[in-house]
């Protein structure tokens, strides 16, 4: 996991904290997903327009939460991570919606 705090998000003009969940399999490294906590309120529509690669999770405690899934970018990542991304990741967003 790699975490960054108080980073300026240029798309929505707000500070955010995010955690990148990175996996390494057979020597290939890839970001599987990133959880974003943006300080302040952003509507789901605004997030869809300004940050289309991020999915809206919800608003809680003064922050807006979003999830961004990793993308397969080359043959090595496709070989090692396609099963995880194609089969297992689709349920992750629902888990975060549940625990909020």
N, C-alpha and C. Protein backbone atom coordinates (compact mmCIF):
# COMPACT_ATOMS: atom_id res chain seq x y z
N UNK A 1 0.85 -1.18 0.00
CA UNK A 1 0.00 0.00 0.00
C UNK A 1 0.89 1.24 0.00
N UNK A 2 0.51 2.22 -0.76
CA UNK A 2 1.21 3.50 -0.82
C UNK A 2 0.18 4.59 -0.54
N UNK A 3 0.48 5.44 0.44
CA UNK A 3 -0.49 6.46 0.85
C UNK A 3 0.10 7.85 0.65
N UNK A 4 -0.74 8.76 0.19
CA UNK A 4 -0.36 10.17 0.04
C UNK A 4 -1.41 11.01 0.75
N UNK A 5 -0.96 12.00 1.52
CA UNK A 5 -1.88 12.85 2.27
C UNK A 5 -1.81 14.29 1.78
N UNK A 6 -2.95 14.94 1.83
CA UNK A 6 -3.08 16.36 1.48
C UNK A 6 -2.48 16.70 0.12
N UNK A 7 -2.87 15.94 -0.87
CA UNK A 7 -2.44 16.16 -2.25
C UNK A 7 -3.52 16.99 -2.95
N UNK A 8 -3.11 17.94 -3.77
CA UNK A 8 -4.06 18.79 -4.50
C UNK A 8 -4.62 18.01 -5.68
N UNK A 9 -5.95 17.87 -5.72
CA UNK A 9 -6.61 17.22 -6.85
C UNK A 9 -6.99 18.31 -7.83
N UNK A 10 -6.30 18.37 -8.94
CA UNK A 10 -6.49 19.43 -9.94
C UNK A 10 -7.87 19.34 -10.59
N UNK A 11 -8.43 18.14 -10.71
CA UNK A 11 -9.71 17.98 -11.39
C UNK A 11 -10.87 18.66 -10.65
N UNK A 12 -10.88 18.54 -9.32
CA UNK A 12 -11.98 19.11 -8.54
C UNK A 12 -11.55 20.29 -7.67
N UNK A 13 -10.27 20.65 -7.76
CA UNK A 13 -9.72 21.81 -7.03
C UNK A 13 -9.90 21.68 -5.52
N UNK A 14 -9.57 20.49 -5.00
CA UNK A 14 -9.66 20.24 -3.56
C UNK A 14 -8.50 19.35 -3.15
N UNK A 15 -8.18 19.37 -1.85
CA UNK A 15 -7.16 18.46 -1.32
C UNK A 15 -7.76 17.08 -1.11
N UNK A 16 -6.92 16.09 -1.21
CA UNK A 16 -7.37 14.72 -1.00
C UNK A 16 -6.26 13.88 -0.37
N UNK A 17 -6.66 12.78 0.20
CA UNK A 17 -5.75 11.75 0.69
C UNK A 17 -6.13 10.48 -0.05
N UNK A 18 -5.13 9.73 -0.49
CA UNK A 18 -5.47 8.49 -1.18
C UNK A 18 -4.52 7.38 -0.78
N UNK A 19 -5.00 6.16 -0.95
CA UNK A 19 -4.21 4.96 -0.68
C UNK A 19 -4.26 4.08 -1.92
N UNK A 20 -3.08 3.78 -2.45
CA UNK A 20 -2.97 2.91 -3.61
C UNK A 20 -2.66 1.50 -3.12
N UNK A 21 -3.43 0.54 -3.57
CA UNK A 21 -3.21 -0.85 -3.22
C UNK A 21 -2.50 -1.51 -4.40
N UNK A 22 -1.25 -1.87 -4.17
CA UNK A 22 -0.37 -2.36 -5.22
C UNK A 22 -0.08 -3.84 -4.97
N UNK A 23 -0.07 -4.60 -6.04
CA UNK A 23 0.19 -6.03 -5.94
C UNK A 23 1.38 -6.38 -6.82
N UNK A 24 2.10 -7.38 -6.39
CA UNK A 24 3.22 -7.89 -7.18
C UNK A 24 3.02 -9.39 -7.32
N UNK A 25 3.02 -9.84 -8.56
CA UNK A 25 2.80 -11.26 -8.83
C UNK A 25 3.78 -11.70 -9.91
N UNK A 26 4.60 -12.69 -9.60
CA UNK A 26 5.60 -13.22 -10.54
C UNK A 26 6.48 -12.11 -11.12
N UNK A 27 6.88 -11.17 -10.28
CA UNK A 27 7.77 -10.10 -10.72
C UNK A 27 7.09 -8.93 -11.41
N UNK A 28 5.79 -8.99 -11.59
CA UNK A 28 5.05 -7.91 -12.25
C UNK A 28 4.30 -7.12 -11.17
N UNK A 29 4.47 -5.80 -11.18
CA UNK A 29 3.87 -4.92 -10.17
C UNK A 29 2.77 -4.08 -10.81
N UNK A 30 1.65 -3.93 -10.09
CA UNK A 30 0.52 -3.18 -10.64
C UNK A 30 -0.34 -2.60 -9.52
N UNK A 31 -0.83 -1.40 -9.75
CA UNK A 31 -1.81 -0.82 -8.83
C UNK A 31 -3.15 -1.50 -9.11
N UNK A 32 -3.70 -2.16 -8.11
CA UNK A 32 -4.97 -2.87 -8.27
C UNK A 32 -6.13 -1.89 -8.14
N UNK A 33 -6.10 -1.05 -7.11
CA UNK A 33 -7.12 -0.01 -6.96
C UNK A 33 -6.59 1.08 -6.04
N UNK A 34 -7.24 2.23 -6.11
CA UNK A 34 -6.90 3.37 -5.27
C UNK A 34 -8.17 3.90 -4.63
N UNK A 35 -8.13 4.11 -3.33
CA UNK A 35 -9.24 4.70 -2.59
C UNK A 35 -8.91 6.18 -2.38
N UNK A 36 -9.81 7.06 -2.78
CA UNK A 36 -9.62 8.51 -2.65
C UNK A 36 -10.56 9.06 -1.59
N UNK A 37 -10.03 9.92 -0.73
CA UNK A 37 -10.85 10.67 0.23
C UNK A 37 -10.61 12.14 -0.06
N UNK A 38 -11.58 12.75 -0.71
CA UNK A 38 -11.48 14.14 -1.13
C UNK A 38 -12.14 15.02 -0.07
N UNK A 39 -11.42 16.02 0.39
CA UNK A 39 -11.93 16.90 1.44
C UNK A 39 -13.03 17.79 0.87
N UNK A 40 -14.21 17.71 1.45
CA UNK A 40 -15.35 18.48 0.97
C UNK A 40 -16.35 17.63 0.21
N UNK A 41 -17.43 18.26 -0.15
CA UNK A 41 -18.51 17.53 -0.82
C UNK A 41 -18.40 17.67 -2.34
N UNK A 42 -18.50 16.55 -3.01
CA UNK A 42 -18.57 16.49 -4.47
C UNK A 42 -19.74 15.58 -4.80
N UNK A 43 -20.60 16.01 -5.67
CA UNK A 43 -21.74 15.16 -6.03
C UNK A 43 -21.27 14.04 -6.96
N UNK A 44 -22.08 13.02 -7.06
CA UNK A 44 -21.78 11.91 -7.95
C UNK A 44 -21.70 12.39 -9.40
N UNK A 45 -22.59 13.30 -9.76
CA UNK A 45 -22.60 13.84 -11.13
C UNK A 45 -21.32 14.63 -11.42
N UNK A 46 -20.89 15.45 -10.44
CA UNK A 46 -19.67 16.23 -10.63
C UNK A 46 -18.46 15.31 -10.77
N UNK A 47 -18.40 14.24 -9.96
CA UNK A 47 -17.29 13.31 -10.06
C UNK A 47 -17.30 12.61 -11.43
N UNK A 48 -18.48 12.23 -11.90
CA UNK A 48 -18.58 11.58 -13.21
C UNK A 48 -18.08 12.49 -14.32
N UNK A 49 -18.35 13.78 -14.20
CA UNK A 49 -17.93 14.74 -15.23
C UNK A 49 -16.44 15.09 -15.14
N UNK A 50 -15.96 15.33 -13.93
CA UNK A 50 -14.59 15.84 -13.77
C UNK A 50 -13.53 14.75 -13.61
N UNK A 51 -13.93 13.60 -13.06
CA UNK A 51 -12.99 12.49 -12.86
C UNK A 51 -13.67 11.20 -13.33
N UNK A 52 -13.85 11.02 -14.62
CA UNK A 52 -14.62 9.87 -15.12
C UNK A 52 -14.02 8.51 -14.80
N UNK A 53 -12.71 8.41 -14.54
CA UNK A 53 -12.12 7.12 -14.24
C UNK A 53 -12.33 6.71 -12.78
N UNK A 54 -12.87 7.61 -11.96
CA UNK A 54 -13.14 7.31 -10.56
C UNK A 54 -14.63 7.06 -10.35
N UNK A 55 -14.94 6.05 -9.55
CA UNK A 55 -16.34 5.77 -9.23
C UNK A 55 -16.68 6.34 -7.86
N UNK A 56 -17.81 7.00 -7.80
CA UNK A 56 -18.31 7.62 -6.58
C UNK A 56 -18.72 6.53 -5.58
N UNK A 57 -18.24 6.65 -4.34
CA UNK A 57 -18.64 5.72 -3.29
C UNK A 57 -19.62 6.38 -2.34
N UNK A 58 -19.34 7.63 -1.92
CA UNK A 58 -20.26 8.30 -1.03
C UNK A 58 -19.63 9.48 -0.33
N UNK A 59 -20.44 10.15 0.49
CA UNK A 59 -20.02 11.32 1.26
C UNK A 59 -20.21 10.97 2.73
N UNK A 60 -19.16 11.15 3.53
CA UNK A 60 -19.23 10.81 4.94
C UNK A 60 -18.22 11.67 5.71
N UNK A 61 -18.65 12.25 6.81
CA UNK A 61 -17.76 12.99 7.69
C UNK A 61 -17.01 14.14 7.05
N UNK A 62 -17.65 14.82 6.12
CA UNK A 62 -17.02 15.97 5.49
C UNK A 62 -16.12 15.65 4.30
N UNK A 63 -16.09 14.38 3.91
CA UNK A 63 -15.24 13.98 2.78
C UNK A 63 -16.03 13.15 1.78
N UNK A 64 -15.64 13.26 0.53
CA UNK A 64 -16.23 12.45 -0.54
C UNK A 64 -15.25 11.32 -0.84
N UNK A 65 -15.79 10.11 -0.97
CA UNK A 65 -14.96 8.93 -1.22
C UNK A 65 -15.20 8.41 -2.63
N UNK A 66 -14.12 7.98 -3.25
CA UNK A 66 -14.19 7.40 -4.58
C UNK A 66 -13.19 6.26 -4.71
N UNK A 67 -13.41 5.42 -5.69
CA UNK A 67 -12.51 4.30 -5.95
C UNK A 67 -12.13 4.32 -7.42
N UNK A 68 -10.87 4.07 -7.66
CA UNK A 68 -10.34 4.04 -9.02
C UNK A 68 -9.65 2.69 -9.20
N UNK A 69 -10.09 1.91 -10.17
CA UNK A 69 -9.53 0.59 -10.42
C UNK A 69 -8.32 0.68 -11.34
N UNK A 70 -7.36 -0.21 -11.13
CA UNK A 70 -6.18 -0.27 -11.98
C UNK A 70 -6.54 -0.74 -13.38
N UNK A 71 -5.69 -0.40 -14.31
CA UNK A 71 -5.89 -0.80 -15.70
C UNK A 71 -4.71 -1.63 -16.16
N UNK A 72 -5.00 -2.67 -16.93
CA UNK A 72 -3.94 -3.48 -17.50
C UNK A 72 -3.30 -2.69 -18.63
N UNK A 73 -1.98 -2.50 -18.55
CA UNK A 73 -1.29 -1.63 -19.49
C UNK A 73 -0.30 -2.33 -20.41
N UNK A 74 0.00 -3.59 -20.14
CA UNK A 74 0.92 -4.31 -21.01
C UNK A 74 0.68 -5.81 -20.91
N UNK A 75 1.37 -6.59 -21.73
CA UNK A 75 1.16 -8.04 -21.79
C UNK A 75 1.48 -8.73 -20.47
N UNK A 76 2.53 -8.28 -19.80
CA UNK A 76 2.90 -8.89 -18.52
C UNK A 76 1.80 -8.71 -17.48
N UNK A 77 1.26 -7.52 -17.40
CA UNK A 77 0.18 -7.26 -16.45
C UNK A 77 -1.08 -8.01 -16.86
N UNK A 78 -1.33 -8.12 -18.14
CA UNK A 78 -2.50 -8.87 -18.61
C UNK A 78 -2.39 -10.33 -18.19
N UNK A 79 -1.23 -10.91 -18.37
CA UNK A 79 -1.03 -12.32 -18.03
C UNK A 79 -1.21 -12.56 -16.52
N UNK A 80 -0.67 -11.67 -15.69
CA UNK A 80 -0.66 -11.91 -14.26
C UNK A 80 -1.93 -11.43 -13.53
N UNK A 81 -2.56 -10.36 -14.01
CA UNK A 81 -3.63 -9.74 -13.23
C UNK A 81 -5.02 -9.79 -13.87
N UNK A 82 -5.16 -10.37 -15.04
CA UNK A 82 -6.47 -10.35 -15.70
C UNK A 82 -7.54 -11.06 -14.90
N UNK A 83 -7.23 -12.19 -14.28
CA UNK A 83 -8.23 -12.89 -13.47
C UNK A 83 -8.69 -12.05 -12.29
N UNK A 84 -7.75 -11.40 -11.61
CA UNK A 84 -8.11 -10.57 -10.46
C UNK A 84 -9.00 -9.42 -10.91
N UNK A 85 -8.59 -8.72 -11.95
CA UNK A 85 -9.33 -7.55 -12.39
C UNK A 85 -10.67 -7.91 -13.03
N UNK A 86 -10.73 -9.00 -13.75
CA UNK A 86 -11.97 -9.35 -14.45
C UNK A 86 -12.97 -10.10 -13.59
N UNK A 87 -12.50 -10.84 -12.58
CA UNK A 87 -13.41 -11.66 -11.79
C UNK A 87 -13.68 -11.10 -10.39
N UNK A 88 -12.64 -10.64 -9.73
CA UNK A 88 -12.77 -10.30 -8.31
C UNK A 88 -13.07 -8.84 -8.03
N UNK A 89 -12.62 -7.92 -8.87
CA UNK A 89 -12.72 -6.50 -8.59
C UNK A 89 -14.14 -5.95 -8.67
N UNK A 90 -15.00 -6.58 -9.42
CA UNK A 90 -16.34 -6.03 -9.61
C UNK A 90 -17.12 -5.93 -8.30
N UNK A 91 -16.76 -6.71 -7.30
CA UNK A 91 -17.47 -6.70 -6.03
C UNK A 91 -16.88 -5.73 -5.01
N UNK A 92 -15.73 -5.17 -5.29
CA UNK A 92 -15.04 -4.35 -4.31
C UNK A 92 -15.79 -3.06 -3.98
N UNK A 93 -16.30 -2.36 -4.97
CA UNK A 93 -17.00 -1.10 -4.74
C UNK A 93 -18.20 -1.31 -3.81
N UNK A 94 -18.90 -2.41 -3.98
CA UNK A 94 -20.07 -2.68 -3.14
C UNK A 94 -19.67 -2.90 -1.69
N UNK A 95 -18.50 -3.46 -1.45
CA UNK A 95 -18.02 -3.64 -0.09
C UNK A 95 -17.80 -2.28 0.56
N UNK A 96 -17.18 -1.35 -0.13
CA UNK A 96 -16.94 -0.03 0.44
C UNK A 96 -18.24 0.72 0.65
N UNK A 97 -19.20 0.53 -0.22
CA UNK A 97 -20.51 1.16 -0.01
C UNK A 97 -21.16 0.60 1.24
N UNK A 98 -20.96 -0.67 1.52
CA UNK A 98 -21.59 -1.32 2.66
C UNK A 98 -20.99 -0.83 3.98
N UNK A 99 -19.68 -0.71 4.07
CA UNK A 99 -19.05 -0.37 5.35
C UNK A 99 -19.10 1.11 5.67
N UNK A 100 -19.45 1.95 4.72
CA UNK A 100 -19.47 3.38 5.03
C UNK A 100 -20.52 3.66 6.05
